[in-house]
Amino acid sequence: MAEDLRTVNTFPHFHNFTGSTTLTEIQLPEACNTVLVGSITYPLFVVQNGGTDGGSVPSNRGFVPKTNYMELPIGSGLESVQSVYVAIQSGSGDVSIILLEK
């Protein structure tokens, strides 16, 4: 199930949710231009191209080791993405998202 953060208008914004091995879509607010994704206890996969909410992790993906964040710069204007996709590499657990406006 997607995490809808499109109405967020105060930055930085911290959001946690329970992820699994299937992709969760993180829907981003228009003013957000940087996303940090991580988990204190689980390694994660991060996907942009080829991702679908509830889908499996495609071969084109990034990864985030546990206890780390990956910073994802978001384009502006026509280049900006409206969502990113996150999955835990195995099992299920907490995922941390930080939205920034720089």
Foldseek 3Di string as FASTA:
>chain_A
DEAEPQPDDDPFDKDKDKFAQAKHKYFYHQQFFKKKKAAQPFKKKKADPPHDHRHHDDPPIDIDHHPDIDMDGADHDPRGDRIIIMHTNHGMDMMMMTTHRD
